[in-house]
Amino acid sequence: MLEAWNSIYHDFHQITDESITSCGMRIFNKLMYNAIWPNLMVSEYLILVNGKVDKDDSVDALVYVDARPGLPDRAEYLDHTIRVAFNVLRLCAIEDLAVSMKLGHLWSPEVSSSLMWFMKRWYRTYLLIPLDNYFNEVGYVFWSCLEKDSDCTQIQIEFIINKIAANLYNFQSEPVVLKDTVAVFSDAICTKRKVPYIIKTEAMAKLISLAENLQPGSLPSEVLRGLYKGFVSAGVYITSSSEKNKYYETILNPLRLRFKNIITQENFAKVCQDDQVQKIVIDLLECLIGIAKGSQMASVDTLFDFLSPILAELPVFLTFYKDYQVIVQLILELFGQCAKYMLCYLRPLDSKKLYESSLATVQAYAKCNGNRLSTETFAEESSCQDLSLVLDVFTCILSRDCIELFQATNQRELVRVTAADVALFGLNFIMPLMTLELLKFPNLCAQFYHLWCSSTTFIPKR
């Protein structure tokens, strides 16, 4: 069985090699591709059916009778569940071969999406669960293919990570495929049992390098956020402090350098309007939002030390892009996500830094938009979206006084500014912008009412 998995893994690396074209043309040409096209469409339906069955049935029910213990001579009757996964990985290899031979336009995105859908369900159902307690039920063959430290399991995991990287590179014009691909990645790094191995694989290093070197604007926002959320979430499971710091530096340092290169340009006021620069800025902000969303108690100190200097620069950054709503909203959303996912874990001194950066950014936004008058519906909707993000920042900050999970290390840290003071003070900046016309938008009105009710609940004396 190990030889079979090794065969798939070898095929994948052969396909992704740039020199595959000459070799591939001898074994897979366009005529053959057209001949098997109907079978590929049938395969998609079989993948969907098998994926549904694999998800709904228990581990014991999915083990083929002839593969159970006591039948050592029946190895040829390998469990059909293993065969299905084996064939799906083979189909993944064929897909990448087709793309490498410039035949990707003939491949249905629905098939690609179905492959990732199956791999997600397969991973969650079999590769994430501990099979040690099921050895007597599943038998040696099944157990050896899926046990956490087995060679077969490691080959499958590395194959899946390589496939994720291949999809991010090959299907940048297919948002549904990319979304399903990131969903597989999110599941792959969500368990402590698998992550230590995944992080050390060559495939993971290639995936990180690919994310850093893609052309700006290549990936949708949801995909970039999911990738970097997964990257930083995986670091939580590294036990060695030195290895953890090294891993986070690998993820964060390229982003730090990218931001520094942008803001230190002498003619930034001019080049900031360039389309390419805007794409770089947008991608960078999307990555930072993903990092904020991936914060956990074990990683928040490292991640906030990285984010804090960047957040402090964003008020000035916002003034350069005051006429670009997408970037303005991403900046406001970044502060909201930091407040939502990081603030409850931060020490008081770090919380104060986040408060100051948030208030400075909101104040900069208010100054840039205070004298703007427009009766256009689009302008009102844009202002509504902006103010909704600002209210979200203050709502998340206000919840800080309800949930505090930080561990104070000295008495100095116990002296802190209350989140309620910050939220109420910040409202002073945006209240002149909250016109009656804008409050007629249901979402904005509901959010403002929610913030106001929260304020009266947490600080009734004010």
Protein backbone atom coordinates (compact mmCIF):
# COMPACT_ATOMS: atom_id res chain seq x y z
CA MET A 1 0.00 0.00 0.00
CA LEU A 2 2.87 2.33 0.80
CA GLU A 3 4.22 1.80 -2.70
CA ALA A 4 0.88 2.94 -4.12
CA TRP A 5 0.87 6.16 -2.11
CA ASN A 6 4.48 6.76 -3.07
CA SER A 7 3.50 6.32 -6.70
CA ILE A 8 0.89 9.07 -6.41
CA TYR A 9 3.31 11.36 -4.62
CA HIS A 10 5.96 10.76 -7.26
CA ASP A 11 3.45 11.47 -10.03
CA PHE A 12 2.51 14.78 -8.43
CA HIS A 13 6.09 15.99 -8.19
CA GLN A 14 6.75 14.85 -11.73
CA ILE A 15 3.73 16.81 -12.92
CA THR A 16 4.65 20.01 -11.10
CA ASP A 17 8.18 19.93 -12.44
CA GLU A 18 8.75 22.44 -15.23
CA SER A 19 10.41 19.79 -17.35
CA ILE A 20 7.27 17.66 -17.49
CA THR A 21 6.07 19.00 -20.82
CA SER A 22 8.19 16.79 -23.03
CA CYS A 23 7.58 13.72 -20.90
CA GLY A 24 3.88 14.42 -20.51
CA MET A 25 3.27 14.83 -24.21
CA ARG A 26 4.30 11.23 -24.77
CA ILE A 27 1.74 9.86 -22.33
CA PHE A 28 -1.06 12.39 -22.38
CA ASN A 29 -2.00 14.37 -25.44
CA LYS A 30 -5.06 16.37 -26.32
CA LEU A 31 -6.66 13.52 -28.23
CA MET A 32 -6.49 11.23 -25.22
CA TYR A 33 -7.82 14.01 -23.02
CA ASN A 34 -10.88 14.46 -25.23
CA ALA A 35 -11.42 10.71 -25.22
CA ILE A 36 -11.60 10.45 -21.42
CA TRP A 37 -13.58 13.68 -20.92
CA PRO A 38 -16.97 11.92 -20.51
CA ASN A 39 -15.42 9.63 -17.90
CA LEU A 40 -14.17 12.64 -15.96
CA MET A 41 -17.68 14.03 -15.77
CA VAL A 42 -18.94 10.69 -14.48
CA SER A 43 -16.08 10.67 -11.99
CA GLU A 44 -17.28 14.00 -10.59
CA TYR A 45 -20.63 12.50 -9.64
CA LEU A 46 -18.92 9.46 -8.13
CA ILE A 47 -16.71 11.76 -6.06
CA LEU A 48 -19.75 13.61 -4.74
CA VAL A 49 -21.57 10.39 -3.86
CA ASN A 50 -18.59 8.81 -2.14
CA GLY A 51 -17.80 12.00 -0.28
CA LYS A 52 -21.33 12.13 1.08
CA VAL A 53 -21.14 8.52 2.24
CA ASP A 54 -17.71 8.96 3.82
CA LYS A 55 -18.94 11.95 5.80
CA ASP A 56 -22.14 10.40 7.10
CA ASP A 57 -20.99 6.90 8.07
CA SER A 58 -18.93 5.91 11.07
CA VAL A 59 -15.37 4.68 10.83
CA ASP A 60 -16.34 1.11 11.65
CA ALA A 61 -19.14 1.05 9.08
CA LEU A 62 -16.79 2.20 6.33
CA VAL A 63 -14.29 -0.61 6.80
CA TYR A 64 -14.69 -3.32 4.18
CA VAL A 65 -15.31 -6.73 5.77
CA ASP A 66 -12.49 -8.53 3.96
CA ALA A 67 -9.97 -5.93 5.16
CA ARG A 68 -10.64 -6.53 8.85
CA PRO A 69 -8.35 -8.42 11.25
CA GLY A 70 -8.00 -12.16 10.91
CA LEU A 71 -7.76 -12.19 7.13
CA PRO A 72 -4.07 -11.65 6.34
CA ASP A 73 -4.33 -13.42 2.99
CA ARG A 74 -7.07 -11.14 1.68
CA ALA A 75 -4.93 -8.03 1.21
CA GLU A 76 -6.10 -7.78 -2.38
CA TYR A 77 -9.57 -6.94 -1.05
CA LEU A 78 -8.39 -3.62 0.23
CA ASP A 79 -11.00 -1.45 1.89
CA HIS A 80 -13.00 0.40 -0.76
CA THR A 81 -12.75 3.64 1.19
CA ILE A 82 -8.98 3.61 0.74
CA ARG A 83 -9.44 2.86 -2.94
CA VAL A 84 -11.73 5.84 -3.39
CA ALA A 85 -9.19 8.20 -1.81
CA PHE A 86 -6.41 6.62 -3.86
CA ASN A 87 -8.33 7.24 -7.10
CA VAL A 88 -9.25 10.81 -6.16
CA LEU A 89 -5.59 11.63 -5.59
CA ARG A 90 -4.82 10.05 -8.94
CA LEU A 91 -7.43 12.29 -10.53
CA CYS A 92 -5.81 15.29 -8.83
CA ALA A 93 -2.52 14.32 -10.45
CA ILE A 94 -4.22 14.08 -13.85
CA GLU A 95 -5.74 17.51 -13.32
CA ASP A 96 -2.36 19.10 -12.65
CA LEU A 97 -0.90 17.30 -15.62
CA ALA A 98 -3.60 18.78 -17.84
CA VAL A 99 -2.91 22.27 -16.51
CA SER A 100 0.84 21.89 -16.95
CA MET A 101 0.26 20.99 -20.62
CA LYS A 102 -1.83 24.13 -21.23
CA LEU A 103 -5.06 22.13 -21.32
CA GLY A 104 -6.57 23.70 -18.23
CA HIS A 105 -9.22 25.47 -20.29
CA LEU A 106 -10.65 22.06 -21.13
CA TRP A 107 -10.93 21.07 -17.49
CA SER A 108 -14.20 21.80 -15.73
CA PRO A 109 -13.86 24.01 -12.61
CA GLU A 110 -16.72 21.99 -11.13
CA VAL A 111 -14.56 18.88 -11.22
CA SER A 112 -11.76 20.79 -9.48
CA SER A 113 -14.17 22.07 -6.85
CA SER A 114 -15.57 18.57 -6.31
CA LEU A 115 -12.06 17.19 -5.83
CA MET A 116 -11.32 19.71 -3.10
CA TRP A 117 -14.73 19.11 -1.55
CA PHE A 118 -13.99 15.40 -1.34
CA MET A 119 -10.50 15.94 0.02
CA LYS A 120 -11.87 18.18 2.76
CA ARG A 121 -14.41 15.58 3.84
CA TRP A 122 -11.85 12.79 3.59
CA TYR A 123 -9.37 14.74 5.70
CA ARG A 124 -11.91 15.67 8.35
CA THR A 125 -13.41 12.18 8.56
CA TYR A 126 -10.27 10.04 8.54
CA LEU A 127 -7.01 11.97 8.80
CA LEU A 128 -8.03 14.16 11.76
CA ILE A 129 -9.42 11.48 14.06
CA PRO A 130 -7.10 9.40 16.31
CA LEU A 131 -7.34 5.81 15.07
CA ASP A 132 -5.37 4.30 17.96
CA ASN A 133 -8.60 3.44 19.76
CA TYR A 134 -10.09 1.85 16.65
CA PHE A 135 -7.31 -0.62 15.81
CA ASN A 136 -9.34 -3.73 16.64
CA GLU A 137 -12.25 -2.49 14.57
CA VAL A 138 -10.49 -1.18 11.47
CA GLY A 139 -7.66 -3.65 11.09
CA TYR A 140 -3.99 -3.25 10.28
CA VAL A 141 -4.33 -2.25 6.62
CA PHE A 142 -6.79 0.55 7.29
CA TRP A 143 -4.95 1.67 10.42
CA SER A 144 -1.53 1.75 8.74
CA CYS A 145 -2.88 3.94 5.93
CA LEU A 146 -4.37 6.55 8.25
CA GLU A 147 -2.53 6.35 11.58
CA LYS A 148 -0.97 9.70 12.50
CA ASP A 149 2.69 8.66 12.31
CA SER A 150 2.48 6.25 9.41
CA ASP A 151 4.31 6.90 6.16
CA CYS A 152 1.06 6.68 4.21
CA THR A 153 -0.55 9.42 6.28
CA GLN A 154 2.45 11.70 5.90
CA ILE A 155 2.49 11.15 2.14
CA GLN A 156 -1.22 11.96 1.92
CA ILE A 157 -0.83 15.14 3.96
CA GLU A 158 2.12 16.39 1.94
CA PHE A 159 0.27 15.56 -1.27
CA ILE A 160 -2.73 17.60 -0.10
CA ILE A 161 -0.57 20.61 0.81
CA ASN A 162 1.15 20.41 -2.57
CA LYS A 163 -2.25 20.26 -4.24
CA ILE A 164 -3.37 23.35 -2.35
CA ALA A 165 -0.33 25.25 -3.63
CA ALA A 166 -0.94 24.02 -7.18
CA ASN A 167 -4.56 25.18 -7.11
CA LEU A 168 -3.62 28.62 -5.80
CA TYR A 169 -1.23 29.00 -8.70
CA ASN A 170 -3.28 27.39 -11.47
CA PHE A 171 -6.87 28.45 -10.71
CA GLN A 172 -6.57 32.13 -9.85
CA SER A 173 -9.51 32.93 -12.12
CA GLU A 174 -11.79 30.42 -10.38
CA PRO A 175 -12.89 31.90 -7.03
CA VAL A 176 -15.07 28.91 -6.11
CA VAL A 177 -12.17 26.48 -6.56
CA LEU A 178 -9.90 28.76 -4.54
CA LYS A 179 -12.46 29.04 -1.77
CA ASP A 180 -12.76 25.25 -1.54
CA THR A 181 -8.98 24.96 -1.62
CA VAL A 182 -8.52 27.30 1.34
CA ALA A 183 -11.23 25.38 3.20
CA VAL A 184 -9.12 22.23 2.84
CA PHE A 185 -6.07 24.11 4.13
CA SER A 186 -8.02 25.42 7.13
CA ASP A 187 -8.97 21.87 8.09
CA ALA A 188 -5.43 20.61 7.52
CA ILE A 189 -3.92 22.92 10.14
CA CYS A 190 -6.72 22.87 12.71
CA THR A 191 -5.48 19.95 14.81
CA LYS A 192 -2.53 19.64 17.14
CA ARG A 193 -1.87 16.06 16.04
CA LYS A 194 -1.00 16.90 12.43
CA VAL A 195 0.35 20.46 12.46
CA PRO A 196 3.85 19.76 13.85
CA TYR A 197 4.50 17.45 10.92
CA ILE A 198 2.82 19.72 8.35
CA ILE A 199 4.92 22.75 9.31
CA LYS A 200 8.16 20.85 8.76
CA THR A 201 7.23 19.56 5.30
CA GLU A 202 8.76 20.90 2.14
CA ALA A 203 5.24 21.34 0.76
CA MET A 204 4.36 23.83 3.52
CA ALA A 205 7.52 25.81 2.84
CA LYS A 206 6.60 25.98 -0.84
CA LEU A 207 3.07 27.10 0.01
CA ILE A 208 4.36 29.93 2.21
CA SER A 209 6.81 30.99 -0.49
CA LEU A 210 4.05 30.92 -3.10
CA ALA A 211 1.79 33.14 -0.97
CA GLU A 212 4.61 35.66 -0.58
CA ASN A 213 5.58 35.82 -4.26
CA LEU A 214 2.23 35.83 -6.05
CA GLN A 215 1.49 38.85 -8.20
CA PRO A 216 -0.58 41.52 -6.39
CA GLY A 217 -4.28 41.08 -6.99
CA SER A 218 -3.93 37.43 -7.99
CA LEU A 219 -6.06 35.97 -5.20
CA PRO A 220 -9.50 37.01 -3.88
CA SER A 221 -9.63 38.67 -0.48
CA GLU A 222 -11.27 35.70 1.22
CA VAL A 223 -8.49 33.40 0.01
CA LEU A 224 -5.67 35.65 1.23
CA ARG A 225 -7.31 36.04 4.61
CA GLY A 226 -7.84 32.30 4.92
CA LEU A 227 -4.25 31.53 4.00
CA TYR A 228 -2.66 33.86 6.53
CA LYS A 229 -5.16 32.96 9.19
CA GLY A 230 -4.11 29.35 8.68
CA PHE A 231 -0.42 30.19 8.68
CA VAL A 232 -0.50 31.97 12.04
CA SER A 233 -2.96 29.49 13.58
CA ALA A 234 -0.60 26.62 12.79
CA GLY A 235 2.21 28.27 14.74
CA VAL A 236 0.29 27.88 18.00
CA TYR A 237 0.97 24.13 18.02
CA ILE A 238 4.76 24.47 17.84
CA THR A 239 6.11 23.56 21.28
CA SER A 240 9.67 24.87 20.94
CA SER A 241 9.92 28.63 21.51
CA SER A 242 12.85 29.03 19.15
CA GLU A 243 11.13 27.08 16.38
CA LYS A 244 7.92 29.03 16.93
CA ASN A 245 9.70 32.38 16.67
CA LYS A 246 11.53 31.23 13.56
CA TYR A 247 8.28 30.08 11.98
CA TYR A 248 6.49 33.35 12.71
CA GLU A 249 9.41 35.33 11.35
CA THR A 250 9.12 33.35 8.12
CA ILE A 251 5.47 34.36 7.85
CA LEU A 252 5.57 37.93 9.16
CA ASN A 253 8.90 39.35 8.06
CA PRO A 254 8.07 39.52 4.32
CA LEU A 255 4.89 41.45 5.15
CA ARG A 256 6.82 43.79 7.42
CA LEU A 257 9.34 44.50 4.66
CA ARG A 258 6.59 45.00 2.09
CA PHE A 259 4.86 47.58 4.26
CA LYS A 260 8.15 49.33 5.04
CA ASN A 261 9.05 49.53 1.36
CA ILE A 262 5.72 51.20 0.63
CA ILE A 263 5.71 53.88 3.32
CA THR A 264 9.40 54.79 2.99
CA GLN A 265 9.20 55.77 -0.66
CA GLU A 266 10.15 59.42 -1.08
CA ASN A 267 7.44 60.05 -3.66
CA PHE A 268 4.77 57.94 -1.98
CA ALA A 269 2.21 60.76 -2.24
CA LYS A 270 2.42 60.38 -6.03
CA VAL A 271 2.94 56.66 -6.49
CA CYS A 272 0.16 55.78 -4.04
CA GLN A 273 -2.33 56.41 -6.83
CA ASP A 274 -0.67 53.88 -9.13
CA ASP A 275 -2.85 50.82 -9.75
CA GLN A 276 -0.06 48.38 -9.01
CA VAL A 277 0.76 50.06 -5.70
CA GLN A 278 -2.90 50.00 -4.74
CA LYS A 279 -3.05 46.26 -5.44
CA ILE A 280 -0.03 45.73 -3.21
CA VAL A 281 -1.64 47.77 -0.43
CA ILE A 282 -4.95 45.91 -0.72
CA ASP A 283 -3.27 42.50 -0.64
CA LEU A 284 -1.17 43.56 2.34
CA LEU A 285 -4.21 44.72 4.30
CA GLU A 286 -6.05 41.49 3.47
CA CYS A 287 -3.09 39.49 4.81
CA LEU A 288 -3.03 41.57 8.00
CA ILE A 289 -6.74 40.99 8.53
CA GLY A 290 -6.16 37.25 8.17
CA ILE A 291 -3.37 37.43 10.75
CA ALA A 292 -5.63 39.28 13.19
CA LYS A 293 -8.38 36.69 12.72
CA GLY A 294 -5.92 33.87 13.38
CA SER A 295 -4.79 35.25 16.74
CA GLN A 296 -5.07 33.04 19.80
CA MET A 297 -4.00 33.42 23.39
CA ALA A 298 -0.73 31.58 22.76
CA SER A 299 0.23 33.73 19.78
CA VAL A 300 -1.31 37.14 20.44
CA ASP A 301 1.83 38.70 21.95
CA THR A 302 3.98 37.78 18.96
CA LEU A 303 1.36 38.85 16.44
CA PHE A 304 0.56 42.15 18.14
CA ASP A 305 4.24 43.03 18.39
CA PHE A 306 4.27 42.65 14.61
CA LEU A 307 1.00 44.52 13.99
CA SER A 308 1.42 47.37 16.47
CA PRO A 309 3.96 49.45 14.47
CA ILE A 310 1.88 48.98 11.32
CA LEU A 311 -1.34 50.02 13.05
CA ALA A 312 0.38 53.16 14.33
CA GLU A 313 1.18 54.19 10.73
CA LEU A 314 -2.31 53.63 9.36
CA PRO A 315 -3.84 57.02 10.36
CA VAL A 316 -1.39 58.78 8.02
CA PHE A 317 -1.80 55.99 5.52
CA LEU A 318 -5.56 56.57 5.48
CA THR A 319 -5.14 60.24 4.58
CA PHE A 320 -3.28 59.28 1.40
CA TYR A 321 -6.08 56.93 0.37
CA LYS A 322 -9.05 58.95 1.61
CA ASP A 323 -10.61 58.87 -1.87
CA TYR A 324 -10.23 55.10 -2.28
CA GLN A 325 -13.10 53.50 -0.44
CA VAL A 326 -11.82 49.93 -0.72
CA ILE A 327 -8.57 50.76 1.07
CA VAL A 328 -10.28 52.98 3.65
CA GLN A 329 -12.71 50.21 4.52
CA LEU A 330 -9.94 47.62 4.75
CA ILE A 331 -8.06 49.84 7.20
CA LEU A 332 -11.16 50.28 9.35
CA GLU A 333 -11.94 46.57 9.13
CA LEU A 334 -8.41 45.70 10.23
CA PHE A 335 -8.87 47.65 13.45
CA GLY A 336 -12.23 45.97 13.99
CA GLN A 337 -10.74 42.50 13.58
CA CYS A 338 -7.84 43.34 15.88
CA ALA A 339 -10.28 44.53 18.53
CA LYS A 340 -12.48 41.47 18.05
CA TYR A 341 -9.87 38.72 18.03
CA MET A 342 -6.90 40.18 19.92
CA LEU A 343 -8.03 42.76 22.45
CA CYS A 344 -9.34 40.36 25.10
CA TYR A 345 -5.92 38.65 25.24
CA LEU A 346 -3.75 41.77 25.23
CA ARG A 347 -1.97 43.17 28.26
CA PRO A 348 -3.20 46.63 29.34
CA LEU A 349 -0.16 48.39 27.88
CA ASP A 350 -0.70 46.71 24.52
CA SER A 351 -4.42 47.43 24.74
CA LYS A 352 -3.59 51.09 25.19
CA LYS A 353 -1.51 51.03 22.01
CA LEU A 354 -4.44 49.57 20.10
CA TYR A 355 -6.79 52.18 21.58
CA GLU A 356 -4.50 55.01 20.53
CA SER A 357 -4.06 53.72 16.98
CA SER A 358 -7.80 53.10 16.62
CA LEU A 359 -8.76 56.57 17.84
CA ALA A 360 -6.13 58.23 15.65
CA THR A 361 -7.41 56.36 12.60
CA VAL A 362 -11.05 57.22 13.30
CA GLN A 363 -10.09 60.85 13.87
CA ALA A 364 -8.21 60.90 10.56
CA TYR A 365 -11.24 59.42 8.84
CA ALA A 366 -13.54 62.03 10.40
CA LYS A 367 -11.26 64.89 9.29
CA CYS A 368 -11.13 63.58 5.73
CA ASN A 369 -14.90 63.22 5.50
CA GLY A 370 -16.20 65.98 7.76
CA ASN A 371 -16.70 68.60 5.03
CA ARG A 372 -17.97 66.30 2.31
CA LEU A 373 -21.49 67.02 1.16
CA SER A 374 -23.25 64.85 -1.38
CA THR A 375 -26.80 63.90 -2.24
CA GLU A 376 -25.83 60.93 -4.37
CA THR A 377 -27.19 57.60 -3.22
CA PHE A 378 -23.87 55.85 -3.88
CA ALA A 379 -22.00 58.34 -1.68
CA GLU A 380 -24.49 57.81 1.15
CA GLU A 381 -24.15 54.04 0.88
CA SER A 382 -20.37 54.34 0.95
CA SER A 383 -20.49 56.52 4.05
CA CYS A 384 -22.91 54.07 5.63
CA GLN A 385 -20.49 51.19 5.07
CA ASP A 386 -17.57 53.20 6.45
CA LEU A 387 -19.44 54.27 9.57
CA SER A 388 -20.68 50.73 10.10
CA LEU A 389 -17.06 49.56 10.25
CA VAL A 390 -16.20 52.35 12.69
CA LEU A 391 -19.09 51.38 14.95
CA ASP A 392 -17.91 47.79 14.77
CA VAL A 393 -14.49 48.88 16.04
CA PHE A 394 -16.02 50.66 19.03
CA THR A 395 -18.41 47.79 19.76
CA CYS A 396 -15.53 45.31 19.87
CA ILE A 397 -13.49 47.68 22.03
CA LEU A 398 -16.39 48.12 24.43
CA SER A 399 -16.61 44.36 24.96
CA ARG A 400 -13.04 44.44 26.32
CA ASP A 401 -14.32 45.33 29.78
CA CYS A 402 -16.49 42.20 29.78
CA ILE A 403 -13.89 39.65 28.67
CA GLU A 404 -10.33 39.90 29.95
CA LEU A 405 -8.13 36.86 29.41
CA PHE A 406 -4.70 38.48 29.79
CA GLN A 407 -2.31 37.57 32.60
CA ALA A 408 -0.86 40.62 34.35
CA THR A 409 2.84 40.24 35.18
CA ASN A 410 3.34 43.37 37.28
CA GLN A 411 1.40 46.06 39.08
CA ARG A 412 2.09 48.63 36.39
CA GLU A 413 0.00 46.66 33.93
CA LEU A 414 -3.00 46.80 36.25
CA VAL A 415 -3.30 50.56 35.68
CA ARG A 416 -5.29 50.80 32.49
CA VAL A 417 -7.61 52.94 30.44
CA THR A 418 -11.13 51.56 30.32
CA ALA A 419 -12.53 50.44 27.01
CA ALA A 420 -15.71 52.37 27.74
CA ASP A 421 -13.78 55.64 27.85
CA VAL A 422 -12.22 54.86 24.49
CA ALA A 423 -15.52 53.94 22.85
CA LEU A 424 -17.36 57.02 24.11
CA PHE A 425 -14.48 59.32 23.25
CA GLY A 426 -14.30 57.87 19.75
CA LEU A 427 -18.00 58.49 19.19
CA ASN A 428 -17.31 62.21 19.47
CA PHE A 429 -15.37 62.04 16.20
CA ILE A 430 -18.08 60.39 14.14
CA MET A 431 -21.28 61.81 15.61
CA PRO A 432 -21.14 64.85 13.27
CA LEU A 433 -21.10 62.38 10.36
CA MET A 434 -24.15 60.44 11.59
CA THR A 435 -26.84 62.37 9.74
CA LEU A 436 -30.53 61.54 9.86
CA GLU A 437 -30.37 60.40 6.25
CA LEU A 438 -27.66 57.89 7.05
CA LEU A 439 -29.52 56.59 10.08
CA LYS A 440 -32.37 55.64 7.75
CA PHE A 441 -30.18 52.76 6.56
CA PRO A 442 -31.42 49.80 8.65
CA ASN A 443 -28.03 48.13 9.18
CA LEU A 444 -26.30 51.30 10.32
CA CYS A 445 -29.19 52.28 12.57
CA ALA A 446 -29.29 48.82 14.17
CA GLN A 447 -25.55 48.82 14.75
CA PHE A 448 -25.61 52.29 16.29
CA TYR A 449 -28.49 51.23 18.54
CA HIS A 450 -26.58 48.10 19.58
CA LEU A 451 -23.52 50.16 20.50
CA TRP A 452 -25.63 52.63 22.43
CA CYS A 453 -27.41 49.88 24.37
CA SER A 454 -24.10 48.20 25.16
CA SER A 455 -22.75 51.50 26.45
CA THR A 456 -25.69 52.03 28.78
CA THR A 457 -25.41 48.43 30.00
CA PHE A 458 -21.69 48.45 30.74
CA ILE A 459 -21.44 52.05 31.98
CA PRO A 460 -24.92 53.04 33.23
CA LYS A 461 -23.61 56.00 35.23
CA ARG A 462 -22.57 57.76 32.02
